C-alpha cells in the first residue's frame, strides 16, 4: 500500500484551519516569522498519517477519506476547546476517530445487508449454475465490480430499492419514487432495466472459466 498524501489546509475552512493549528501548537499565537506554522503543520501531518493507519488497520476501504473527516470534525471544534487542558492532542483525534469508525461500521452493516438482499434478488431471477451462485464471497466481489460499472446514480438507486424487507419495502419504494418525481411503476421499470444489466454482468463475472475458476476479469 502506497503512503497517502495527507490532505492540505485547503480542505479545511480558513478560520477552522487557524484554530486547528493553534490547537496543535498552543505556542503558535505568540510566534512570528516564516516558521510560525512549522511545528503545528508537522504535528498535523503526523496525526493524519496515524489516522490513516488507524482506519486502514481496521479494514476501512476509505481510510484517507475517514482521516480527513476526523480532521474536519476536530477543526470545527477547536475554537471551543481549551487547548491548555489537552496535552494529548493525538489522543483527542483518536477519540473522534473512534466515533467516525463506529459510524462507518454501521453504514457498512446497512450496505452489506442491502447487497445481500440484491444478491438474493438476482439469484431469484434464475441461475444456471447454482453452486457458483452459492459462493457468496465470489458473488459479492463480482457484484461490487459490476455495480461500480453502473454509475453512482444507478448503483444507489438499485441498493435503495432492494434495501428493505417486508412491509417496509412498499413504503420505501413509494418514498423513493416521490423523491425522483415518478410513479412507483415507472420506478419499478427503471430498476428492472438496471437489474437486467447488473445480472448479465455478474453472470459473466461469476461463470466458471475453463479451469473451473470464476471469471472475474475487470477488462
C-alpha atoms as a PDB file:
ATOM      1  CA  UNK A   1       0.000   0.000   0.000  1.00  0.00           C
ATOM      2  CA  UNK A   2       1.443   3.345  -1.032  1.00  0.00           C
ATOM      3  CA  UNK A   3       1.541   6.061   1.552  1.00  0.00           C
ATOM      4  CA  UNK A   4      -1.290   8.518   1.068  1.00  0.00           C
ATOM      5  CA  UNK A   5      -0.504  12.199   0.752  1.00  0.00           C
ATOM      6  CA  UNK A   6      -2.117  13.876   3.765  1.00  0.00           C
ATOM      7  CA  UNK A   7      -4.772  16.467   2.968  1.00  0.00           C
ATOM      8  CA  UNK A   8      -3.569  20.052   2.896  1.00  0.00           C
ATOM      9  CA  UNK A   9      -5.049  23.056   4.651  1.00  0.00           C
ATOM     10  CA  UNK A  10      -7.365  23.829   1.728  1.00  0.00           C
ATOM     11  CA  UNK A  11      -9.719  21.020   2.775  1.00  0.00           C
ATOM     12  CA  UNK A  12     -10.451  22.938   5.997  1.00  0.00           C
ATOM     13  CA  UNK A  13     -12.172  26.358   6.142  1.00  0.00           C
ATOM     14  CA  UNK A  14      -9.568  29.065   6.743  1.00  0.00           C
ATOM     15  CA  UNK A  15     -10.763  30.095  10.225  1.00  0.00           C
ATOM     16  CA  UNK A  16     -11.058  26.484  11.359  1.00  0.00           C
ATOM     17  CA  UNK A  17      -7.607  25.764   9.931  1.00  0.00           C
ATOM     18  CA  UNK A  18      -6.144  28.575  12.048  1.00  0.00           C
ATOM     19  CA  UNK A  19      -7.927  27.206  15.124  1.00  0.00           C
ATOM     20  CA  UNK A  20      -6.612  23.730  14.345  1.00  0.00           C
ATOM     21  CA  UNK A  21      -3.016  24.933  14.072  1.00  0.00           C
ATOM     22  CA  UNK A  22      -3.349  26.782  17.401  1.00  0.00           C
ATOM     23  CA  UNK A  23      -4.742  23.610  18.968  1.00  0.00           C
ATOM     24  CA  UNK A  24      -1.833  21.543  17.674  1.00  0.00           C
ATOM     25  CA  UNK A  25       0.705  24.121  18.838  1.00  0.00           C
ATOM     26  CA  UNK A  26      -0.617  26.283  21.722  1.00  0.00           C
ATOM     27  CA  UNK A  27       2.515  28.457  21.499  1.00  0.00           C
ATOM     28  CA  UNK A  28       1.770  29.386  17.868  1.00  0.00           C
ATOM     29  CA  UNK A  29      -0.249  32.585  18.545  1.00  0.00           C
ATOM     30  CA  UNK A  30       2.840  34.153  20.111  1.00  0.00           C
ATOM     31  CA  UNK A  31       5.182  33.137  17.315  1.00  0.00           C
ATOM     32  CA  UNK A  32       6.266  35.301  14.397  1.00  0.00           C
ATOM     33  CA  UNK A  33       8.161  34.714  11.176  1.00  0.00           C
ATOM     34  CA  UNK A  34       8.161  32.217   8.336  1.00  0.00           C
ATOM     35  CA  UNK A  35       8.451  29.211  10.653  1.00  0.00           C
ATOM     36  CA  UNK A  36       5.413  30.127  12.744  1.00  0.00           C
ATOM     37  CA  UNK A  37       3.337  27.194  11.468  1.00  0.00           C
ATOM     38  CA  UNK A  38       6.117  24.640  11.151  1.00  0.00           C
ATOM     39  CA  UNK A  39       5.567  22.744  14.415  1.00  0.00           C
ATOM     40  CA  UNK A  40       1.778  22.677  14.094  1.00  0.00           C
ATOM     41  CA  UNK A  41       1.899  21.505  10.481  1.00  0.00           C
ATOM     42  CA  UNK A  42       4.401  18.778  11.337  1.00  0.00           C
ATOM     43  CA  UNK A  43       2.089  17.517  14.079  1.00  0.00           C
ATOM     44  CA  UNK A  44      -0.855  17.713  11.686  1.00  0.00           C
ATOM     45  CA  UNK A  45       0.874  15.558   9.058  1.00  0.00           C
ATOM     46  CA  UNK A  46       1.938  13.054  11.692  1.00  0.00           C
ATOM     47  CA  UNK A  47      -1.585  12.786  13.096  1.00  0.00           C
ATOM     48  CA  UNK A  48      -3.170  12.335   9.672  1.00  0.00           C
ATOM     49  CA  UNK A  49      -0.748   9.516   8.847  1.00  0.00           C
ATOM     50  CA  UNK A  50      -1.616   7.846  12.143  1.00  0.00           C
ATOM     51  CA  UNK A  51      -5.334   8.236  11.458  1.00  0.00           C
ATOM     52  CA  UNK A  52      -4.967   6.673   8.009  1.00  0.00           C
ATOM     53  CA  UNK A  53      -3.190   3.708   9.605  1.00  0.00           C
ATOM     54  CA  UNK A  54      -5.869   3.546  12.329  1.00  0.00           C
ATOM     55  CA  UNK A  55      -8.678   3.191   9.792  1.00  0.00           C
ATOM     56  CA  UNK A  56      -6.760   1.026   7.314  1.00  0.00           C
ATOM     57  CA  UNK A  57      -5.802  -1.354  10.108  1.00  0.00           C
ATOM     58  CA  UNK A  58      -9.491  -1.851  10.887  1.00  0.00           C
ATOM     59  CA  UNK A  59     -10.407  -2.784   7.350  1.00  0.00           C
ATOM     60  CA  UNK A  60     -11.792   0.565   6.202  1.00  0.00           C
ATOM     61  CA  UNK A  61     -11.575   0.891   2.434  1.00  0.00           C
ATOM     62  CA  UNK A  62     -11.753   4.697   2.569  1.00  0.00           C
ATOM     63  CA  UNK A  63      -9.092   5.222   5.227  1.00  0.00           C
ATOM     64  CA  UNK A  64      -7.826   8.501   3.748  1.00  0.00           C
ATOM     65  CA  UNK A  65     -11.325   9.963   3.476  1.00  0.00           C
ATOM     66  CA  UNK A  66     -12.146   8.951   7.033  1.00  0.00           C
ATOM     67  CA  UNK A  67      -8.928  10.572   8.265  1.00  0.00           C
ATOM     68  CA  UNK A  68      -9.955  13.794   6.514  1.00  0.00           C
ATOM     69  CA  UNK A  69     -13.380  13.553   8.156  1.00  0.00           C
ATOM     70  CA  UNK A  70     -11.710  13.368  11.568  1.00  0.00           C
ATOM     71  CA  UNK A  71      -9.598  16.437  10.801  1.00  0.00           C
ATOM     72  CA  UNK A  72     -12.662  18.394   9.698  1.00  0.00           C
ATOM     73  CA  UNK A  73     -14.574  17.467  12.847  1.00  0.00           C
ATOM     74  CA  UNK A  74     -11.721  18.371  15.164  1.00  0.00           C
ATOM     75  CA  UNK A  75     -11.047  21.616  13.279  1.00  0.00           C
ATOM     76  CA  UNK A  76     -14.687  22.590  13.687  1.00  0.00           C
ATOM     77  CA  UNK A  77     -14.452  22.157  17.467  1.00  0.00           C
ATOM     78  CA  UNK A  78     -11.051  23.685  18.121  1.00  0.00           C
ATOM     79  CA  UNK A  79     -12.336  27.222  18.735  1.00  0.00           C
ATOM     80  CA  UNK A  80     -14.343  25.941  21.721  1.00  0.00           C
ATOM     81  CA  UNK A  81     -11.621  23.675  23.113  1.00  0.00           C
ATOM     82  CA  UNK A  82      -9.306  24.563  25.947  1.00  0.00           C
ATOM     83  CA  UNK A  83      -6.005  23.646  24.330  1.00  0.00           C
ATOM     84  CA  UNK A  84      -4.075  24.080  27.563  1.00  0.00           C
ATOM     85  CA  UNK A  85      -6.171  21.349  29.207  1.00  0.00           C
ATOM     86  CA  UNK A  86      -5.484  18.844  26.436  1.00  0.00           C
ATOM     87  CA  UNK A  87      -1.843  17.868  26.377  1.00  0.00           C
ATOM     88  CA  UNK A  88      -2.506  14.694  24.397  1.00  0.00           C
ATOM     89  CA  UNK A  89      -3.540  16.153  21.033  1.00  0.00           C
ATOM     90  CA  UNK A  90      -3.237  12.813  19.235  1.00  0.00           C
ATOM     91  CA  UNK A  91      -5.450  11.159  21.841  1.00  0.00           C
ATOM     92  CA  UNK A  92      -8.205  13.672  21.144  1.00  0.00           C
ATOM     93  CA  UNK A  93      -8.055  12.891  17.425  1.00  0.00           C
ATOM     94  CA  UNK A  94      -8.252   9.179  18.190  1.00  0.00           C
ATOM     95  CA  UNK A  95     -11.360   9.785  20.306  1.00  0.00           C
ATOM     96  CA  UNK A  96     -13.035  11.440  17.325  1.00  0.00           C
ATOM     97  CA  UNK A  97     -11.698   8.679  15.045  1.00  0.00           C
ATOM     98  CA  UNK A  98     -13.400   6.004  17.156  1.00  0.00           C
ATOM     99  CA  UNK A  99     -16.742   7.777  16.701  1.00  0.00           C
ATOM    100  CA  UNK A 100     -16.167   8.041  12.948  1.00  0.00           C
ATOM    101  CA  UNK A 101     -15.202   4.355  12.853  1.00  0.00           C
ATOM    102  CA  UNK A 102     -18.401   3.301  14.624  1.00  0.00           C
ATOM    103  CA  UNK A 103     -20.439   5.336  12.141  1.00  0.00           C
ATOM    104  CA  UNK A 104     -18.575   3.698   9.264  1.00  0.00           C
ATOM    105  CA  UNK A 105     -19.231   0.221  10.688  1.00  0.00           C
ATOM    106  CA  UNK A 106     -22.949   0.959  10.990  1.00  0.00           C
ATOM    107  CA  UNK A 107     -23.032   2.200   7.404  1.00  0.00           C
ATOM    108  CA  UNK A 108     -21.120  -0.859   6.180  1.00  0.00           C
ATOM    109  CA  UNK A 109     -23.543  -3.150   8.012  1.00  0.00           C
ATOM    110  CA  UNK A 110     -26.533  -1.489   6.367  1.00  0.00           C
ATOM    111  CA  UNK A 111     -24.788  -1.561   2.997  1.00  0.00           C
ATOM    112  CA  UNK A 112     -23.868  -5.246   3.314  1.00  0.00           C
ATOM    113  CA  UNK A 113     -27.478  -6.097   4.135  1.00  0.00           C
ATOM    114  CA  UNK A 114     -28.646  -4.229   1.041  1.00  0.00           C
ATOM    115  CA  UNK A 115     -26.104  -6.013  -1.135  1.00  0.00           C
ATOM    116  CA  UNK A 116     -27.094  -9.391   0.270  1.00  0.00           C
ATOM    117  CA  UNK A 117     -30.734  -8.575  -0.464  1.00  0.00           C
ATOM    118  CA  UNK A 118     -29.761  -7.637  -4.019  1.00  0.00           C
ATOM    119  CA  UNK A 119     -27.705 -10.832  -4.388  1.00  0.00           C
ATOM    120  CA  UNK A 120     -30.724 -12.885  -3.334  1.00  0.00           C
ATOM    121  CA  UNK A 121     -32.936 -10.983  -5.772  1.00  0.00           C
ATOM    122  CA  UNK A 122     -30.541 -11.654  -8.648  1.00  0.00           C
ATOM    123  CA  UNK A 123     -30.429 -15.339  -7.674  1.00  0.00           C
ATOM    124  CA  UNK A 124     -34.240 -15.478  -7.584  1.00  0.00           C
ATOM    125  CA  UNK A 125     -34.448 -14.385 -11.226  1.00  0.00           C
ATOM    126  CA  UNK A 126     -32.803 -17.622 -12.313  1.00  0.00           C
ATOM    127  CA  UNK A 127     -29.279 -19.006 -12.416  1.00  0.00           C
ATOM    128  CA  UNK A 128     -27.917 -21.892 -14.471  1.00  0.00           C
ATOM    129  CA  UNK A 129     -25.067 -22.744 -12.117  1.00  0.00           C
ATOM    130  CA  UNK A 130     -26.347 -22.988  -8.557  1.00  0.00           C
ATOM    131  CA  UNK A 131     -23.020 -23.963  -6.927  1.00  0.00           C
ATOM    132  CA  UNK A 132     -21.291 -20.900  -8.401  1.00  0.00           C
ATOM    133  CA  UNK A 133     -24.028 -18.596  -7.141  1.00  0.00           C
ATOM    134  CA  UNK A 134     -23.784 -20.106  -3.652  1.00  0.00           C
ATOM    135  CA  UNK A 135     -20.171 -18.907  -3.300  1.00  0.00           C
ATOM    136  CA  UNK A 136     -21.103 -15.661  -1.580  1.00  0.00           C
ATOM    137  CA  UNK A 137     -17.599 -14.203  -1.458  1.00  0.00           C
ATOM    138  CA  UNK A 138     -17.170 -14.618  -5.214  1.00  0.00           C
ATOM    139  CA  UNK A 139     -20.628 -13.276  -5.982  1.00  0.00           C
ATOM    140  CA  UNK A 140     -20.203 -10.255  -3.721  1.00  0.00           C
ATOM    141  CA  UNK A 141     -16.843  -9.480  -5.295  1.00  0.00           C
ATOM    142  CA  UNK A 142     -18.407  -9.666  -8.739  1.00  0.00           C
ATOM    143  CA  UNK A 143     -21.390  -7.656  -7.561  1.00  0.00           C
ATOM    144  CA  UNK A 144     -19.099  -4.877  -6.296  1.00  0.00           C
ATOM    145  CA  UNK A 145     -17.224  -4.888  -9.607  1.00  0.00           C
ATOM    146  CA  UNK A 146     -20.411  -4.730 -11.689  1.00  0.00           C
ATOM    147  CA  UNK A 147     -22.076  -2.080  -9.535  1.00  0.00           C
ATOM    148  CA  UNK A 148     -19.019   0.140  -9.912  1.00  0.00           C
ATOM    149  CA  UNK A 149     -19.584  -0.049 -13.672  1.00  0.00           C
ATOM    150  CA  UNK A 150     -23.213   1.038 -13.338  1.00  0.00           C
ATOM    151  CA  UNK A 151     -22.517   4.600 -12.321  1.00  0.00           C
ATOM    152  CA  UNK A 152     -23.199   6.284  -8.992  1.00  0.00           C
ATOM    153  CA  UNK A 153     -26.890   7.091  -9.553  1.00  0.00           C
ATOM    154  CA  UNK A 154     -27.875   3.625 -10.786  1.00  0.00           C
ATOM    155  CA  UNK A 155     -25.859   1.962  -8.029  1.00  0.00           C
ATOM    156  CA  UNK A 156     -27.512   3.986  -5.264  1.00  0.00           C
ATOM    157  CA  UNK A 157     -30.946   3.550  -6.828  1.00  0.00           C
ATOM    158  CA  UNK A 158     -30.837  -0.230  -7.006  1.00  0.00           C
ATOM    159  CA  UNK A 159     -29.396  -0.537  -3.479  1.00  0.00           C
ATOM    160  CA  UNK A 160     -32.132   1.655  -2.044  1.00  0.00           C
ATOM    161  CA  UNK A 161     -34.801  -0.225  -3.970  1.00  0.00           C
ATOM    162  CA  UNK A 162     -33.757  -3.580  -2.530  1.00  0.00           C
ATOM    163  CA  UNK A 163     -32.686  -2.219   0.858  1.00  0.00           C
ATOM    164  CA  UNK A 164     -35.866  -3.011   2.796  1.00  0.00           C
ATOM    165  CA  UNK A 165     -37.796  -6.169   3.553  1.00  0.00           C
ATOM    166  CA  UNK A 166     -41.464  -6.997   4.138  1.00  0.00           C
ATOM    167  CA  UNK A 167     -43.971  -4.195   4.547  1.00  0.00           C
ATOM    168  CA  UNK A 168     -41.248  -1.562   4.816  1.00  0.00           C
ATOM    169  CA  UNK A 169     -40.312  -2.260   1.194  1.00  0.00           C
ATOM    170  CA  UNK A 170     -43.601  -0.875  -0.147  1.00  0.00           C
ATOM    171  CA  UNK A 171     -43.280   2.378   1.773  1.00  0.00           C
ATOM    172  CA  UNK A 172     -39.614   2.653   0.809  1.00  0.00           C
ATOM    173  CA  UNK A 173     -40.480   2.297  -2.882  1.00  0.00           C
ATOM    174  CA  UNK A 174     -43.211   4.919  -2.564  1.00  0.00           C
ATOM    175  CA  UNK A 175     -40.856   7.430  -0.931  1.00  0.00           C
ATOM    176  CA  UNK A 176     -38.096   6.731  -3.442  1.00  0.00           C
ATOM    177  CA  UNK A 177     -40.472   7.240  -6.373  1.00  0.00           C
ATOM    178  CA  UNK A 178     -41.693  10.518  -4.856  1.00  0.00           C
ATOM    179  CA  UNK A 179     -38.107  11.739  -4.445  1.00  0.00           C
ATOM    180  CA  UNK A 180     -37.432  11.012  -8.103  1.00  0.00           C
ATOM    181  CA  UNK A 181     -40.691  12.597  -9.246  1.00  0.00           C
ATOM    182  CA  UNK A 182     -42.063   9.461 -10.899  1.00  0.00           C
ATOM    183  CA  UNK A 183     -44.675   6.797 -10.291  1.00  0.00           C
ATOM    184  CA  UNK A 184     -43.902   3.592  -8.431  1.00  0.00           C
ATOM    185  CA  UNK A 185     -44.485   1.658 -11.656  1.00  0.00           C
ATOM    186  CA  UNK A 186     -42.016   3.862 -13.577  1.00  0.00           C
ATOM    187  CA  UNK A 187     -39.504   3.323 -10.767  1.00  0.00           C
ATOM    188  CA  UNK A 188     -40.046  -0.434 -10.962  1.00  0.00           C
ATOM    189  CA  UNK A 189     -39.401  -0.419 -14.727  1.00  0.00           C
ATOM    190  CA  UNK A 190     -36.192   1.612 -14.334  1.00  0.00           C
ATOM    191  CA  UNK A 191     -34.881  -0.670 -11.587  1.00  0.00           C
ATOM    192  CA  UNK A 192     -35.798  -3.740 -13.657  1.00  0.00           C
ATOM    193  CA  UNK A 193     -33.651  -2.439 -16.518  1.00  0.00           C
ATOM    194  CA  UNK A 194     -30.734  -1.724 -14.190  1.00  0.00           C
ATOM    195  CA  UNK A 195     -31.093  -5.154 -12.603  1.00  0.00           C
ATOM    196  CA  UNK A 196     -31.016  -6.853 -16.011  1.00  0.00           C
ATOM    197  CA  UNK A 197     -27.751  -5.106 -16.912  1.00  0.00           C
ATOM    198  CA  UNK A 198     -26.302  -5.863 -13.489  1.00  0.00           C
ATOM    199  CA  UNK A 199     -27.280  -9.503 -13.548  1.00  0.00           C
ATOM    200  CA  UNK A 200     -25.781 -10.013 -17.014  1.00  0.00           C
ATOM    201  CA  UNK A 201     -22.502  -8.543 -15.795  1.00  0.00           C
ATOM    202  CA  UNK A 202     -22.485 -10.635 -12.603  1.00  0.00           C
ATOM    203  CA  UNK A 203     -23.258 -13.821 -14.540  1.00  0.00           C
ATOM    204  CA  UNK A 204     -20.291 -13.227 -16.845  1.00  0.00           C
ATOM    205  CA  UNK A 205     -18.080 -12.495 -13.846  1.00  0.00           C
ATOM    206  CA  UNK A 206     -19.122 -15.487 -11.718  1.00  0.00           C
ATOM    207  CA  UNK A 207     -19.437 -18.034 -14.535  1.00  0.00           C
ATOM    208  CA  UNK A 208     -16.615 -20.601 -14.084  1.00  0.00           C
ATOM    209  CA  UNK A 209     -13.899 -20.418 -16.715  1.00  0.00           C
ATOM    210  CA  UNK A 210     -12.191 -23.340 -18.484  1.00  0.00           C
ATOM    211  CA  UNK A 211     -10.044 -24.146 -15.464  1.00  0.00           C
ATOM    212  CA  UNK A 212     -13.040 -24.223 -13.120  1.00  0.00           C
ATOM    213  CA  UNK A 213     -12.320 -20.848 -11.565  1.00  0.00           C
ATOM    214  CA  UNK A 214     -14.721 -17.908 -11.595  1.00  0.00           C
ATOM    215  CA  UNK A 215     -14.135 -15.351 -14.296  1.00  0.00           C
ATOM    216  CA  UNK A 216     -13.515 -12.050 -12.510  1.00  0.00           C
ATOM    217  CA  UNK A 217     -11.716 -10.118 -15.205  1.00  0.00           C
ATOM    218  CA  UNK A 218     -12.099  -6.344 -14.899  1.00  0.00           C
ATOM    219  CA  UNK A 219     -11.491  -5.836 -18.580  1.00  0.00           C
END
